[in-house]
């Protein structure tokens, strides 16, 4: 494991720019899901409005992110209306969804959208299978696999993901969380640790 100072000294990760990240609305939902349903593997993540009070139940996820090799799609779940096309992508066994620390994502999506995510791969499981002794998150994975620094803002990670419109900084943060998961999965696949 690389320490924080060593990671900060690395060159930055080649993240998606804002113009490659689509904030999906009700009018573009069906087309976005049709495109994503044709992909073999997608990067996957969710964002929720944080809870700060003891005993406060989470109400998320509020945003779901899916990424291809050249774009990310952000789905603000409260505003899209009929989510059947998105449920179809999430439940599709032919579309592998890959991300970090997915146990809570799976449960929250089941509770909120009544969808069972199929073919969902937690990258932490792949790292453990490869011998990792500690939990490997996105920042550490990018440092180890690419020799780059994936910078994540604590301020953005704890921002209110239920409040729209999202800022450009929020869109870049969320889109790249899903994108980096896909890039890490593809790198692991090249090393024989995942399936394409």
Foldseek 3Di string as FASTA:
>chain_A
DDDPVQQVPFAADPAAALVQEAEDAQVCLLVVLVVQLPDQEKQWDFAFQDDDDPPDDTPDRQWIWIHDLRHIYIYRPVGRPDCVSVLCSQCDQRYAYEAAPCPVVQVRCCVPVVHHGHNYYHVQVLVVVVPDPDRDHLQNLCCVQPVHGHDADPCLRNHHSNDDDDDSVNSRRNHRNRNSRVVSQVSCVVVVSHDD
